[in-house]
Protein backbone atom coordinates (compact mmCIF):
# COMPACT_ATOMS: atom_id res chain seq x y z
CA UNK A 1 22.38 10.66 26.23
CA UNK A 2 19.35 11.68 28.20
CA UNK A 3 20.37 15.34 27.73
CA UNK A 4 20.61 15.03 24.13
CA UNK A 5 17.21 13.23 23.76
CA UNK A 6 15.61 15.82 26.13
CA UNK A 7 16.80 18.67 23.73
CA UNK A 8 15.62 16.93 20.68
CA UNK A 9 12.21 15.86 22.16
CA UNK A 10 11.66 19.29 23.60
CA UNK A 11 12.57 20.77 20.14
CA UNK A 12 9.86 18.72 18.58
CA UNK A 13 7.31 19.90 21.01
CA UNK A 14 8.31 23.57 20.60
CA UNK A 15 8.29 23.26 16.87
CA UNK A 16 4.78 21.55 16.79
CA UNK A 17 3.46 24.45 19.00
CA UNK A 18 5.44 27.56 18.03
CA UNK A 19 6.86 26.75 14.67
CA UNK A 20 10.38 27.08 13.53
CA UNK A 21 10.55 30.67 14.81
CA UNK A 22 10.02 29.19 18.37
CA UNK A 23 13.39 27.35 18.24
CA UNK A 24 15.45 29.39 20.42
CA UNK A 25 18.04 28.50 22.95
CA UNK A 26 15.94 30.36 25.78
CA UNK A 27 12.84 28.32 24.97
CA UNK A 28 14.83 25.19 24.86
CA UNK A 29 16.43 25.82 28.11
CA UNK A 30 13.13 26.47 29.77
CA UNK A 31 11.49 23.53 28.19
CA UNK A 32 14.10 21.03 29.20
CA UNK A 33 15.30 22.46 32.45
CA UNK A 34 18.89 22.01 31.29
CA UNK A 35 21.66 24.57 31.01
CA UNK A 36 23.01 26.46 27.92
CA UNK A 37 26.34 24.59 28.69
CA UNK A 38 24.48 21.33 28.35
CA UNK A 39 23.04 22.64 24.94
CA UNK A 40 26.49 23.38 23.56
CA UNK A 41 27.99 20.18 25.10
CA UNK A 42 25.58 18.24 22.78
CA UNK A 43 25.33 20.73 19.65
CA UNK A 44 28.02 22.86 18.37
CA UNK A 45 25.73 25.63 17.32
CA UNK A 46 21.97 26.41 16.76
CA UNK A 47 22.56 25.19 13.16
CA UNK A 48 24.03 21.90 14.41
CA UNK A 49 20.98 21.62 16.73
CA UNK A 50 18.55 22.13 13.88
CA UNK A 51 20.18 19.69 11.64
CA UNK A 52 20.08 16.94 14.59
CA UNK A 53 16.37 18.03 15.25
CA UNK A 54 15.46 17.31 11.52
CA UNK A 55 17.31 14.00 11.66
CA UNK A 56 15.43 13.21 14.86
CA UNK A 57 12.24 14.06 13.34
CA UNK A 58 12.95 11.77 10.37
CA UNK A 59 13.75 8.95 12.73
CA UNK A 60 10.72 9.18 14.92
CA UNK A 61 8.05 10.27 12.38
CA UNK A 62 9.12 7.98 9.51
CA UNK A 63 12.12 5.61 9.78
CA UNK A 64 10.82 3.91 13.01
CA UNK A 65 7.42 3.35 11.46
CA UNK A 66 8.97 1.78 8.27
CA UNK A 67 11.43 -0.36 10.41
CA UNK A 68 8.54 -1.57 12.63
CA UNK A 69 6.24 -2.48 9.68
CA UNK A 70 9.11 -4.09 7.70
CA UNK A 71 9.86 -6.25 10.75
CA UNK A 72 6.33 -7.56 10.89
CA UNK A 73 7.32 -10.27 8.31
CA UNK A 74 4.55 -12.61 9.66
CA UNK A 75 2.08 -10.09 8.06
CA UNK A 76 0.99 -9.96 4.32
CA UNK A 77 1.33 -6.50 2.58
CA UNK A 78 -2.48 -5.57 3.37
CA UNK A 79 -1.91 -6.26 7.08
CA UNK A 80 1.25 -4.30 6.96
CA UNK A 81 -0.60 -1.30 5.48
CA UNK A 82 -3.22 -1.65 8.37
CA UNK A 83 -0.49 -1.69 10.85
CA UNK A 84 1.31 1.30 9.23
CA UNK A 85 -2.00 3.21 9.35
CA UNK A 86 -2.54 2.15 13.16
CA UNK A 87 1.00 3.33 14.01
CA UNK A 88 0.64 6.56 12.47
CA UNK A 89 -2.74 7.23 13.83
CA UNK A 90 -1.84 6.10 17.31
CA UNK A 91 0.98 8.91 17.46
CA UNK A 92 -0.28 11.91 19.04
CA UNK A 93 0.60 15.46 17.84
CA UNK A 94 2.29 14.72 14.53
CA UNK A 95 -0.12 16.83 12.46
CA UNK A 96 1.03 20.06 13.93
CA UNK A 97 4.47 19.04 13.76
CA UNK A 98 4.13 18.09 10.05
CA UNK A 99 2.83 21.54 9.38
CA UNK A 100 5.56 23.17 11.16
CA UNK A 101 8.28 21.11 9.30
CA UNK A 102 6.71 21.91 5.99
CA UNK A 103 6.53 25.56 6.96
CA UNK A 104 10.24 25.55 8.09
CA UNK A 105 11.04 23.73 4.65
CA UNK A 106 9.72 26.93 2.73
CA UNK A 107 12.61 29.04 4.03
CA UNK A 108 15.43 26.61 4.96
CA UNK A 109 17.18 24.46 2.37
CA UNK A 110 18.18 21.75 4.88
CA UNK A 111 14.58 21.46 6.14
CA UNK A 112 13.32 21.30 2.52
CA UNK A 113 15.87 18.52 1.74
CA UNK A 114 14.95 16.49 4.75
CA UNK A 115 11.24 16.87 4.20
CA UNK A 116 11.62 15.91 0.46
CA UNK A 117 13.54 12.74 1.41
CA UNK A 118 10.95 11.91 4.04
CA UNK A 119 8.12 12.36 1.57
CA UNK A 120 9.76 10.25 -0.86
CA UNK A 121 10.43 7.41 1.59
CA UNK A 122 6.84 7.42 2.66
CA UNK A 123 5.46 7.47 -0.76
CA UNK A 124 7.83 4.86 -1.88
CA UNK A 125 7.06 2.63 1.08
CA UNK A 126 3.29 3.13 0.61
CA UNK A 127 3.64 2.27 -3.11
CA UNK A 128 5.70 -0.93 -2.41
CA UNK A 129 3.15 -2.24 0.04
CA UNK A 130 0.25 -1.41 -2.36
CA UNK A 131 2.23 -3.06 -5.07
CA UNK A 132 2.69 -6.09 -2.82
CA UNK A 133 -1.08 -6.07 -2.19
CA UNK A 134 -1.78 -6.68 -5.79
CA UNK A 135 -2.14 -3.16 -7.27
CA UNK A 136 -0.52 -2.49 -10.63
CA UNK A 137 2.24 0.04 -10.82
CA UNK A 138 0.19 3.08 -11.71
CA UNK A 139 -2.49 2.31 -9.31
CA UNK A 140 -0.15 1.67 -6.48
CA UNK A 141 1.50 4.98 -7.26
CA UNK A 142 -1.73 6.93 -7.42
CA UNK A 143 -3.28 5.24 -4.38
CA UNK A 144 0.00 5.86 -2.37
CA UNK A 145 -0.29 9.66 -3.31
CA UNK A 146 -4.08 9.55 -2.39
CA UNK A 147 -3.44 7.81 0.97
CA UNK A 148 -0.59 10.28 1.82
CA UNK A 149 -2.36 13.38 0.92
CA UNK A 150 -5.42 12.07 2.82
CA UNK A 151 -3.34 11.89 5.97
CA UNK A 152 -1.57 15.21 5.52
CA UNK A 153 -4.63 16.94 4.55
CA UNK A 154 -6.61 15.66 7.62
CA UNK A 155 -3.76 17.03 9.79
CA UNK A 156 -4.54 20.58 8.66
CA UNK A 157 -8.31 20.46 9.27
CA UNK A 158 -9.98 22.55 12.04
CA UNK A 159 -11.47 20.76 13.95
CA UNK A 160 -9.09 17.90 13.51
CA UNK A 161 -10.26 14.68 11.82
CA UNK A 162 -10.28 12.02 14.51
CA UNK A 163 -8.02 8.99 14.00
CA UNK A 164 -11.04 6.73 13.95
CA UNK A 165 -12.63 8.78 11.05
CA UNK A 166 -9.27 9.03 9.23
CA UNK A 167 -8.93 5.12 9.52
CA UNK A 168 -12.44 4.71 8.11
CA UNK A 169 -11.55 7.09 5.17
CA UNK A 170 -8.20 5.42 4.42
CA UNK A 171 -9.93 1.95 4.38
CA UNK A 172 -12.57 3.23 2.05
CA UNK A 173 -9.84 4.58 -0.29
CA UNK A 174 -8.36 0.96 -0.35
CA UNK A 175 -11.51 -0.85 -0.80
C-alpha cells in the first residue's frame, strides 16, 4: 500500500506545482523513486491513475476534514466552524492544488464531476454548521458561499494571504 500512497501523494505534489499537464509517468517515476512496473501494478492506465488521484484529492482535501469535524461531537456548531477553519488553514499547499484541480476541471469531465461534488459537499457542510449555529436558511446559504469564496479567493492571491489573516477575515464575516 505504501507504493500506491506514494504514487498518489507524489501526484498531488506534481499537480500543485506543474498542473495537470505535469502528470506524466516519467515525472511520477522520478518523484516517487518507484518503477513504471510499480505504477502499472497499482493502476491499470494513466486514466485509472487520474481517477484514483481525484478520489485521493477528495479524501484528503474534503472528506477527512468533514469526518474530523463531525466526530468532534463535544463541540457546538460554532466551535465546529472554528475547528474546520483551523484544519483547513493548518494544511500547507492546498491553494495551488485547488487552482490546479479547478484548471484540470475545465478540460476534463471526470475532474469537473469530482470538483463539483467537492464544492457541493463543502458548501453543504458549511451551510449545515451555520444553520446549527443559529443562522436562518438564507443567511446560512449566503454565509457558506461567502466563506467558501473567501478561502478560495485568498488562495489565488499573490502574495498569498497568510493563514492568520484569513482566519481574522473569516471570523469577521461570521461576527
